[in-house]
Amino acid sequence: MGDLLERIEINREKLSGKPVIRGTRIQVHLIVELVAEGLSPDEILEEYPELELQDVKAALLYAARVLRGEIDPGV
């Protein structure tokens, strides 16, 4: 599962260091919010075709690890 986290990028020069999906400007929190609103991964991928299923999984894993205190969100 650690490989999934390689899809998350934090760069202080990109969106003030907010975590995004690598190679995009799509923020992790957006993906988590879309899931919370009831969108399925397939619906998210339809809305954001530049994403892959692994990106959605990475965003959720990242959020879980931050909440457990395993990852410093860096922002």
C-alpha atoms as a PDB file:
ATOM      1  CA  MET A   1       0.000   0.000   0.000  1.00  0.00           C
ATOM      2  CA  GLY A   2       2.951   2.305   0.498  1.00  0.00           C
ATOM      3  CA  ASP A   3       3.289   2.468  -3.278  1.00  0.00           C
ATOM      4  CA  LEU A   4      -0.063   4.221  -3.413  1.00  0.00           C
ATOM      5  CA  LEU A   5       1.303   7.092  -1.366  1.00  0.00           C
ATOM      6  CA  GLU A   6       3.888   7.775  -4.072  1.00  0.00           C
ATOM      7  CA  ARG A   7       0.956   9.150  -6.073  1.00  0.00           C
ATOM      8  CA  ILE A   8       0.569  11.987  -3.561  1.00  0.00           C
ATOM      9  CA  GLU A   9       2.693  15.083  -4.069  1.00  0.00           C
ATOM     10  CA  ILE A  10       3.341  17.912  -1.641  1.00  0.00           C
ATOM     11  CA  ASN A  11       5.212  20.820  -3.143  1.00  0.00           C
ATOM     12  CA  ARG A  12       5.173  24.196  -1.410  1.00  0.00           C
ATOM     13  CA  GLU A  13       5.318  25.871  -4.827  1.00  0.00           C
ATOM     14  CA  LYS A  14       2.180  24.063  -5.996  1.00  0.00           C
ATOM     15  CA  LEU A  15      -1.120  25.076  -4.378  1.00  0.00           C
ATOM     16  CA  SER A  16       0.698  26.318  -1.261  1.00  0.00           C
ATOM     17  CA  GLY A  17       1.914  22.831  -0.408  1.00  0.00           C
ATOM     18  CA  LYS A  18      -1.490  21.184  -0.236  1.00  0.00           C
ATOM     19  CA  PRO A  19      -1.382  17.472  -1.066  1.00  0.00           C
ATOM     20  CA  VAL A  20      -2.348  16.738  -4.663  1.00  0.00           C
ATOM     21  CA  ILE A  21      -2.359  13.762  -6.954  1.00  0.00           C
ATOM     22  CA  ARG A  22       1.074  13.702  -8.581  1.00  0.00           C
ATOM     23  CA  GLY A  23       1.138  15.367 -11.973  1.00  0.00           C
ATOM     24  CA  THR A  24      -2.173  17.158 -11.413  1.00  0.00           C
ATOM     25  CA  ARG A  25      -3.579  20.052  -9.438  1.00  0.00           C
ATOM     26  CA  ILE A  26      -6.334  17.842  -8.030  1.00  0.00           C
ATOM     27  CA  GLN A  27      -6.194  18.109  -4.263  1.00  0.00           C
ATOM     28  CA  VAL A  28      -6.511  15.068  -2.033  1.00  0.00           C
ATOM     29  CA  HIS A  29      -9.222  16.727   0.033  1.00  0.00           C
ATOM     30  CA  LEU A  30     -11.392  17.118  -3.092  1.00  0.00           C
ATOM     31  CA  ILE A  31     -11.335  13.384  -3.751  1.00  0.00           C
ATOM     32  CA  VAL A  32     -12.145  12.606  -0.115  1.00  0.00           C
ATOM     33  CA  GLU A  33     -15.021  15.105  -0.171  1.00  0.00           C
ATOM     34  CA  LEU A  34     -16.419  13.596  -3.367  1.00  0.00           C
ATOM     35  CA  VAL A  35     -16.415  10.143  -1.767  1.00  0.00           C
ATOM     36  CA  ALA A  36     -18.112  11.601   1.334  1.00  0.00           C
ATOM     37  CA  GLU A  37     -20.782  13.134  -0.904  1.00  0.00           C
ATOM     38  CA  GLY A  38     -21.546   9.670  -2.229  1.00  0.00           C
ATOM     39  CA  LEU A  39     -19.703   9.603  -5.549  1.00  0.00           C
ATOM     40  CA  SER A  40     -18.323   6.228  -6.508  1.00  0.00           C
ATOM     41  CA  PRO A  41     -14.732   5.902  -7.709  1.00  0.00           C
ATOM     42  CA  ASP A  42     -16.100   5.347 -11.227  1.00  0.00           C
ATOM     43  CA  GLU A  43     -18.047   8.610 -11.038  1.00  0.00           C
ATOM     44  CA  ILE A  44     -14.954  10.460  -9.834  1.00  0.00           C
ATOM     45  CA  LEU A  45     -12.921   9.009 -12.696  1.00  0.00           C
ATOM     46  CA  GLU A  46     -15.611  10.051 -15.138  1.00  0.00           C
ATOM     47  CA  GLU A  47     -15.531  13.613 -13.770  1.00  0.00           C
ATOM     48  CA  TYR A  48     -11.705  13.721 -13.692  1.00  0.00           C
ATOM     49  CA  PRO A  49     -10.460  11.534 -16.571  1.00  0.00           C
ATOM     50  CA  GLU A  50      -6.824  12.377 -15.819  1.00  0.00           C
ATOM     51  CA  LEU A  51      -7.121  10.295 -12.640  1.00  0.00           C
ATOM     52  CA  GLU A  52      -6.787   6.546 -12.265  1.00  0.00           C
ATOM     53  CA  LEU A  53      -8.485   4.296  -9.730  1.00  0.00           C
ATOM     54  CA  GLN A  54      -5.183   4.038  -7.856  1.00  0.00           C
ATOM     55  CA  ASP A  55      -5.226   7.831  -7.414  1.00  0.00           C
ATOM     56  CA  VAL A  56      -8.593   7.679  -5.654  1.00  0.00           C
ATOM     57  CA  LYS A  57      -7.313   4.879  -3.422  1.00  0.00           C
ATOM     58  CA  ALA A  58      -4.141   6.865  -2.720  1.00  0.00           C
ATOM     59  CA  ALA A  59      -6.128   9.919  -1.640  1.00  0.00           C
ATOM     60  CA  LEU A  60      -8.212   7.879   0.786  1.00  0.00           C
ATOM     61  CA  LEU A  61      -5.173   6.074   2.170  1.00  0.00           C
ATOM     62  CA  TYR A  62      -3.327   9.368   2.608  1.00  0.00           C
ATOM     63  CA  ALA A  63      -6.275  10.869   4.499  1.00  0.00           C
ATOM     64  CA  ALA A  64      -6.504   7.821   6.753  1.00  0.00           C
ATOM     65  CA  ARG A  65      -2.786   7.900   7.531  1.00  0.00           C
ATOM     66  CA  VAL A  66      -2.880  11.629   8.305  1.00  0.00           C
ATOM     67  CA  LEU A  67      -5.808  11.133  10.679  1.00  0.00           C
ATOM     68  CA  ARG A  68      -3.983   8.299  12.436  1.00  0.00           C
ATOM     69  CA  GLY A  69      -1.004  10.607  12.878  1.00  0.00           C
ATOM     70  CA  GLU A  70       1.256   8.442  10.737  1.00  0.00           C
ATOM     71  CA  ILE A  71       1.887  11.196   8.199  1.00  0.00           C
ATOM     72  CA  ASP A  72       2.531  14.864   8.808  1.00  0.00           C
ATOM     73  CA  PRO A  73       0.188  16.682   6.419  1.00  0.00           C
ATOM     74  CA  GLY A  74       2.934  19.221   5.856  1.00  0.00           C
ATOM     75  CA  VAL A  75       0.593  22.179   5.439  1.00  0.00           C
END
